[in-house]
Amino acid sequence: MSTSVQRLQETGSALRNALATQDWAAIGELDVQCRQAVDEAMVEVVRDEDVLRERMQELLDLYRELVSVCQLEQRRLAGEMVQLNQSQQGAKVYQLFT
């Protein structure tokens, strides 16, 4: 296995682990590493294109999952922000009458 394909596999695995624990800081760093690994894989001569294709597909599937989880987290946080804003507005109204 070429070094670029191996790096794709390693960074993809690390990204999957970070996603499982929702370690957003690590996900950001690993995203950069994955992009670099993809760039390297595209320019390196690979003997086994099937393995490269398989690793790239795995990474693509992982990114689809990552985008889905990020969208869910974004909606959850937006809901929390709405509730926080409503609570603050309620507290302001309460203070007007006390």
C-alpha atoms as a PDB file:
ATOM      1  CA  MET A   1       0.000   0.000   0.000  1.00  0.00           C
ATOM      2  CA  SER A   2       1.399   3.408  -0.922  1.00  0.00           C
ATOM      3  CA  THR A   3       2.135   5.988   1.742  1.00  0.00           C
ATOM      4  CA  SER A   4      -0.597   8.329   0.534  1.00  0.00           C
ATOM      5  CA  VAL A   5      -3.218   5.567   0.624  1.00  0.00           C
ATOM      6  CA  GLN A   6      -2.039   4.563   4.086  1.00  0.00           C
ATOM      7  CA  ARG A   7      -2.242   8.185   5.223  1.00  0.00           C
ATOM      8  CA  LEU A   8      -5.782   8.402   3.839  1.00  0.00           C
ATOM      9  CA  GLN A   9      -6.720   5.360   5.867  1.00  0.00           C
ATOM     10  CA  GLU A  10      -5.078   6.643   9.054  1.00  0.00           C
ATOM     11  CA  THR A  11      -6.527  10.139   8.912  1.00  0.00           C
ATOM     12  CA  GLY A  12      -9.954   8.758   7.998  1.00  0.00           C
ATOM     13  CA  SER A  13      -9.826   6.423  10.976  1.00  0.00           C
ATOM     14  CA  ALA A  14      -8.768   9.240  13.299  1.00  0.00           C
ATOM     15  CA  LEU A  15     -11.541  11.442  11.897  1.00  0.00           C
ATOM     16  CA  ARG A  16     -14.102   8.694  12.496  1.00  0.00           C
ATOM     17  CA  ASN A  17     -12.932   8.353  16.122  1.00  0.00           C
ATOM     18  CA  ALA A  18     -13.110  12.121  16.643  1.00  0.00           C
ATOM     19  CA  LEU A  19     -16.616  12.140  15.180  1.00  0.00           C
ATOM     20  CA  ALA A  20     -17.678   9.328  17.504  1.00  0.00           C
ATOM     21  CA  THR A  21     -16.602  11.410  20.521  1.00  0.00           C
ATOM     22  CA  GLN A  22     -17.747  14.694  18.937  1.00  0.00           C
ATOM     23  CA  ASP A  23     -14.287  16.181  19.438  1.00  0.00           C
ATOM     24  CA  TRP A  24     -14.896  19.201  17.215  1.00  0.00           C
ATOM     25  CA  ALA A  25     -11.386  20.654  17.651  1.00  0.00           C
ATOM     26  CA  ALA A  26      -9.804  17.389  16.533  1.00  0.00           C
ATOM     27  CA  ILE A  27     -12.273  17.142  13.647  1.00  0.00           C
ATOM     28  CA  GLY A  28     -11.164  20.556  12.400  1.00  0.00           C
ATOM     29  CA  GLU A  29      -7.498  19.570  12.490  1.00  0.00           C
ATOM     30  CA  LEU A  30      -8.126  16.165  10.944  1.00  0.00           C
ATOM     31  CA  ASP A  31     -10.193  17.725   8.182  1.00  0.00           C
ATOM     32  CA  VAL A  32      -7.118  19.695   7.095  1.00  0.00           C
ATOM     33  CA  GLN A  33      -4.993  16.545   7.273  1.00  0.00           C
ATOM     34  CA  CYS A  34      -7.526  14.578   5.223  1.00  0.00           C
ATOM     35  CA  ARG A  35      -7.563  17.254   2.541  1.00  0.00           C
ATOM     36  CA  GLN A  36      -3.764  17.155   2.386  1.00  0.00           C
ATOM     37  CA  ALA A  37      -3.805  13.354   2.201  1.00  0.00           C
ATOM     38  CA  VAL A  38      -6.290  13.477  -0.689  1.00  0.00           C
ATOM     39  CA  ASP A  39      -4.140  16.021  -2.507  1.00  0.00           C
ATOM     40  CA  GLU A  40      -1.074  13.815  -2.045  1.00  0.00           C
ATOM     41  CA  ALA A  41      -2.943  10.730  -3.212  1.00  0.00           C
ATOM     42  CA  MET A  42      -4.042  12.510  -6.378  1.00  0.00           C
ATOM     43  CA  VAL A  43      -0.482  13.325  -7.458  1.00  0.00           C
ATOM     44  CA  GLU A  44       1.272  10.154  -6.279  1.00  0.00           C
ATOM     45  CA  VAL A  45       1.563   7.259  -8.670  1.00  0.00           C
ATOM     46  CA  VAL A  46      -0.425   4.462  -7.072  1.00  0.00           C
ATOM     47  CA  ARG A  47       0.086   0.877  -8.109  1.00  0.00           C
ATOM     48  CA  ASP A  48      -3.208  -0.367  -6.757  1.00  0.00           C
ATOM     49  CA  GLU A  49      -5.885   2.043  -7.931  1.00  0.00           C
ATOM     50  CA  ASP A  50      -8.645  -0.182  -6.557  1.00  0.00           C
ATOM     51  CA  VAL A  51      -7.354   0.280  -2.997  1.00  0.00           C
ATOM     52  CA  LEU A  52      -7.098   4.040  -3.529  1.00  0.00           C
ATOM     53  CA  ARG A  53     -10.627   4.147  -4.920  1.00  0.00           C
ATOM     54  CA  GLU A  54     -11.889   2.153  -1.934  1.00  0.00           C
ATOM     55  CA  ARG A  55     -10.165   4.476   0.573  1.00  0.00           C
ATOM     56  CA  MET A  56     -11.493   7.542  -1.217  1.00  0.00           C
ATOM     57  CA  GLN A  57     -15.024   6.109  -1.163  1.00  0.00           C
ATOM     58  CA  GLU A  58     -14.702   5.367   2.553  1.00  0.00           C
ATOM     59  CA  LEU A  59     -13.576   8.945   3.132  1.00  0.00           C
ATOM     60  CA  LEU A  60     -16.443  10.285   1.045  1.00  0.00           C
ATOM     61  CA  ASP A  61     -18.933   8.229   3.065  1.00  0.00           C
ATOM     62  CA  LEU A  62     -17.347   9.471   6.277  1.00  0.00           C
ATOM     63  CA  TYR A  63     -17.652  13.090   5.145  1.00  0.00           C
ATOM     64  CA  ARG A  64     -21.321  12.546   4.300  1.00  0.00           C
ATOM     65  CA  GLU A  65     -21.849  11.255   7.830  1.00  0.00           C
ATOM     66  CA  LEU A  66     -19.821  14.140   9.256  1.00  0.00           C
ATOM     67  CA  VAL A  67     -21.903  16.725   7.398  1.00  0.00           C
ATOM     68  CA  SER A  68     -25.090  15.084   8.643  1.00  0.00           C
ATOM     69  CA  VAL A  69     -23.895  15.078  12.260  1.00  0.00           C
ATOM     70  CA  CYS A  70     -22.753  18.698  11.962  1.00  0.00           C
ATOM     71  CA  GLN A  71     -26.138  19.748  10.608  1.00  0.00           C
ATOM     72  CA  LEU A  72     -27.899  18.003  13.488  1.00  0.00           C
ATOM     73  CA  GLU A  73     -25.567  19.654  15.989  1.00  0.00           C
ATOM     74  CA  GLN A  74     -26.124  23.029  14.357  1.00  0.00           C
ATOM     75  CA  ARG A  75     -29.916  22.637  14.654  1.00  0.00           C
ATOM     76  CA  ARG A  76     -29.585  21.530  18.273  1.00  0.00           C
ATOM     77  CA  LEU A  77     -27.436  24.544  19.144  1.00  0.00           C
ATOM     78  CA  ALA A  78     -29.766  26.897  17.277  1.00  0.00           C
ATOM     79  CA  GLY A  79     -32.658  25.552  19.353  1.00  0.00           C
ATOM     80  CA  GLU A  80     -30.704  26.128  22.532  1.00  0.00           C
ATOM     81  CA  MET A  81     -29.917  29.696  21.437  1.00  0.00           C
ATOM     82  CA  VAL A  82     -33.602  30.383  20.776  1.00  0.00           C
ATOM     83  CA  GLN A  83     -34.504  29.054  24.223  1.00  0.00           C
ATOM     84  CA  LEU A  84     -31.761  31.129  25.833  1.00  0.00           C
ATOM     85  CA  ASN A  85     -32.939  34.270  24.057  1.00  0.00           C
ATOM     86  CA  GLN A  86     -36.535  33.609  25.094  1.00  0.00           C
ATOM     87  CA  SER A  87     -35.431  33.083  28.694  1.00  0.00           C
ATOM     88  CA  GLN A  88     -33.480  36.330  28.656  1.00  0.00           C
ATOM     89  CA  GLN A  89     -36.466  38.198  27.225  1.00  0.00           C
ATOM     90  CA  GLY A  90     -38.679  36.699  29.916  1.00  0.00           C
ATOM     91  CA  ALA A  91     -36.238  37.755  32.608  1.00  0.00           C
ATOM     92  CA  LYS A  92     -36.187  41.316  31.242  1.00  0.00           C
ATOM     93  CA  VAL A  93     -39.982  41.493  31.282  1.00  0.00           C
ATOM     94  CA  TYR A  94     -40.032  40.106  34.835  1.00  0.00           C
ATOM     95  CA  GLN A  95     -37.514  42.762  35.941  1.00  0.00           C
ATOM     96  CA  LEU A  96     -39.745  45.501  34.541  1.00  0.00           C
ATOM     97  CA  PHE A  97     -42.506  44.506  36.955  1.00  0.00           C
ATOM     98  CA  THR A  98     -40.371  44.074  40.066  1.00  0.00           C
END
